[in-house]
Amino acid sequence: MLSGSEMEQLLDELHILMDRSSPPDAVVLGAVVALAERCRRELGAELRFEGD
């Protein structure tokens, strides 16, 4: 589970990746950012990254 400051750092890094990515990748990253922001606002929500 991320602390508030860690979540902010994750969002900052995702925004940087979006800016540097090709359009198809940026769309996917944009969806991840939207989910992360939603999880930050909703108590008890979590965002999990699984896989390679």
N, C-alpha and C. Protein backbone atom coordinates (compact mmCIF):
# COMPACT_ATOMS: atom_id res chain seq x y z
N MET A 1 0.85 -1.17 0.00
CA MET A 1 0.00 0.00 0.00
C MET A 1 0.90 1.24 0.00
N LEU A 2 0.55 2.20 -0.82
CA LEU A 2 1.37 3.40 -0.92
C LEU A 2 0.89 4.48 0.04
N SER A 3 1.83 5.21 0.58
CA SER A 3 1.48 6.38 1.39
C SER A 3 1.02 7.49 0.44
N GLY A 4 0.50 8.55 1.00
CA GLY A 4 0.07 9.68 0.18
C GLY A 4 1.18 10.25 -0.67
N SER A 5 2.37 10.39 -0.07
CA SER A 5 3.50 10.95 -0.83
C SER A 5 3.99 9.98 -1.89
N GLU A 6 3.93 8.68 -1.59
CA GLU A 6 4.34 7.68 -2.58
C GLU A 6 3.36 7.66 -3.76
N MET A 7 2.07 7.83 -3.48
CA MET A 7 1.08 7.87 -4.55
C MET A 7 1.31 9.09 -5.43
N GLU A 8 1.63 10.22 -4.81
CA GLU A 8 1.92 11.42 -5.58
C GLU A 8 3.14 11.20 -6.48
N GLN A 9 4.15 10.54 -5.94
CA GLN A 9 5.35 10.25 -6.72
C GLN A 9 5.02 9.32 -7.89
N LEU A 10 4.20 8.30 -7.65
CA LEU A 10 3.78 7.40 -8.71
C LEU A 10 3.05 8.17 -9.81
N LEU A 11 2.13 9.03 -9.42
CA LEU A 11 1.39 9.81 -10.41
C LEU A 11 2.31 10.73 -11.20
N ASP A 12 3.26 11.36 -10.52
CA ASP A 12 4.24 12.21 -11.22
C ASP A 12 5.02 11.41 -12.25
N GLU A 13 5.47 10.22 -11.85
CA GLU A 13 6.25 9.38 -12.76
C GLU A 13 5.41 8.88 -13.93
N LEU A 14 4.14 8.56 -13.67
CA LEU A 14 3.26 8.14 -14.75
C LEU A 14 3.02 9.27 -15.75
N HIS A 15 2.87 10.48 -15.24
CA HIS A 15 2.69 11.63 -16.13
C HIS A 15 3.93 11.85 -17.01
N ILE A 16 5.10 11.68 -16.44
CA ILE A 16 6.35 11.81 -17.21
C ILE A 16 6.41 10.74 -18.29
N LEU A 17 6.07 9.50 -17.92
CA LEU A 17 6.05 8.42 -18.91
C LEU A 17 5.05 8.70 -20.03
N MET A 18 3.89 9.23 -19.68
CA MET A 18 2.88 9.56 -20.69
C MET A 18 3.44 10.58 -21.69
N ASP A 19 4.12 11.59 -21.17
CA ASP A 19 4.68 12.64 -22.03
C ASP A 19 5.74 12.10 -22.98
N ARG A 20 6.44 11.06 -22.57
CA ARG A 20 7.54 10.51 -23.37
C ARG A 20 7.11 9.34 -24.26
N SER A 21 5.88 8.90 -24.13
CA SER A 21 5.43 7.69 -24.82
C SER A 21 4.78 7.99 -26.16
N SER A 22 4.73 6.96 -26.99
CA SER A 22 4.01 7.06 -28.26
C SER A 22 2.52 7.14 -27.95
N PRO A 23 1.74 7.66 -28.90
CA PRO A 23 0.30 7.83 -28.64
C PRO A 23 -0.42 6.58 -28.12
N PRO A 24 -0.22 5.39 -28.71
CA PRO A 24 -0.94 4.23 -28.17
C PRO A 24 -0.57 3.92 -26.71
N ASP A 25 0.71 4.04 -26.38
CA ASP A 25 1.15 3.79 -25.01
C ASP A 25 0.65 4.87 -24.07
N ALA A 26 0.61 6.11 -24.55
CA ALA A 26 0.14 7.22 -23.73
C ALA A 26 -1.33 7.05 -23.36
N VAL A 27 -2.11 6.47 -24.27
CA VAL A 27 -3.52 6.22 -23.97
C VAL A 27 -3.65 5.22 -22.82
N VAL A 28 -2.87 4.17 -22.87
CA VAL A 28 -2.90 3.16 -21.81
C VAL A 28 -2.43 3.77 -20.49
N LEU A 29 -1.35 4.50 -20.53
CA LEU A 29 -0.85 5.14 -19.31
C LEU A 29 -1.86 6.14 -18.76
N GLY A 30 -2.56 6.83 -19.65
CA GLY A 30 -3.60 7.77 -19.22
C GLY A 30 -4.70 7.05 -18.45
N ALA A 31 -5.05 5.85 -18.89
CA ALA A 31 -6.06 5.07 -18.18
C ALA A 31 -5.55 4.65 -16.80
N VAL A 32 -4.27 4.30 -16.72
CA VAL A 32 -3.68 3.93 -15.43
C VAL A 32 -3.67 5.14 -14.49
N VAL A 33 -3.33 6.30 -15.02
CA VAL A 33 -3.34 7.52 -14.21
C VAL A 33 -4.74 7.79 -13.68
N ALA A 34 -5.74 7.65 -14.54
CA ALA A 34 -7.12 7.89 -14.12
C ALA A 34 -7.52 6.93 -12.99
N LEU A 35 -7.14 5.67 -13.12
CA LEU A 35 -7.43 4.70 -12.07
C LEU A 35 -6.70 5.04 -10.77
N ALA A 36 -5.44 5.43 -10.89
CA ALA A 36 -4.65 5.78 -9.70
C ALA A 36 -5.25 6.98 -8.99
N GLU A 37 -5.69 7.97 -9.76
CA GLU A 37 -6.30 9.15 -9.16
C GLU A 37 -7.62 8.78 -8.48
N ARG A 38 -8.37 7.90 -9.10
CA ARG A 38 -9.61 7.45 -8.49
C ARG A 38 -9.35 6.70 -7.19
N CYS A 39 -8.34 5.84 -7.19
CA CYS A 39 -7.99 5.10 -5.97
C CYS A 39 -7.54 6.03 -4.86
N ARG A 40 -6.88 7.09 -5.24
CA ARG A 40 -6.40 8.06 -4.24
C ARG A 40 -7.59 8.74 -3.55
N ARG A 41 -8.65 8.97 -4.30
CA ARG A 41 -9.82 9.67 -3.76
C ARG A 41 -10.77 8.77 -2.98
N GLU A 42 -10.85 7.50 -3.36
CA GLU A 42 -11.85 6.60 -2.77
C GLU A 42 -11.24 5.75 -1.67
N LEU A 43 -11.78 5.89 -0.48
CA LEU A 43 -11.31 5.15 0.68
C LEU A 43 -11.48 3.65 0.44
N GLY A 44 -10.43 2.90 0.69
CA GLY A 44 -10.49 1.45 0.55
C GLY A 44 -10.20 0.93 -0.85
N ALA A 45 -10.07 1.82 -1.83
CA ALA A 45 -9.76 1.39 -3.19
C ALA A 45 -8.26 1.16 -3.32
N GLU A 46 -7.90 0.24 -4.20
CA GLU A 46 -6.47 0.00 -4.42
C GLU A 46 -6.21 -0.30 -5.88
N LEU A 47 -5.02 0.01 -6.29
CA LEU A 47 -4.56 -0.23 -7.66
C LEU A 47 -3.43 -1.23 -7.56
N ARG A 48 -3.58 -2.35 -8.27
CA ARG A 48 -2.56 -3.41 -8.22
C ARG A 48 -1.91 -3.55 -9.58
N PHE A 49 -0.60 -3.69 -9.55
CA PHE A 49 0.17 -3.97 -10.76
C PHE A 49 0.67 -5.40 -10.65
N GLU A 50 0.30 -6.24 -11.59
CA GLU A 50 0.73 -7.63 -11.57
C GLU A 50 1.34 -7.98 -12.90
N GLY A 51 2.25 -8.92 -12.89
CA GLY A 51 2.87 -9.40 -14.13
C GLY A 51 4.31 -8.98 -14.24
N ASP A 52 4.82 -9.13 -15.45
CA ASP A 52 6.23 -8.86 -15.70
C ASP A 52 6.53 -7.40 -15.86
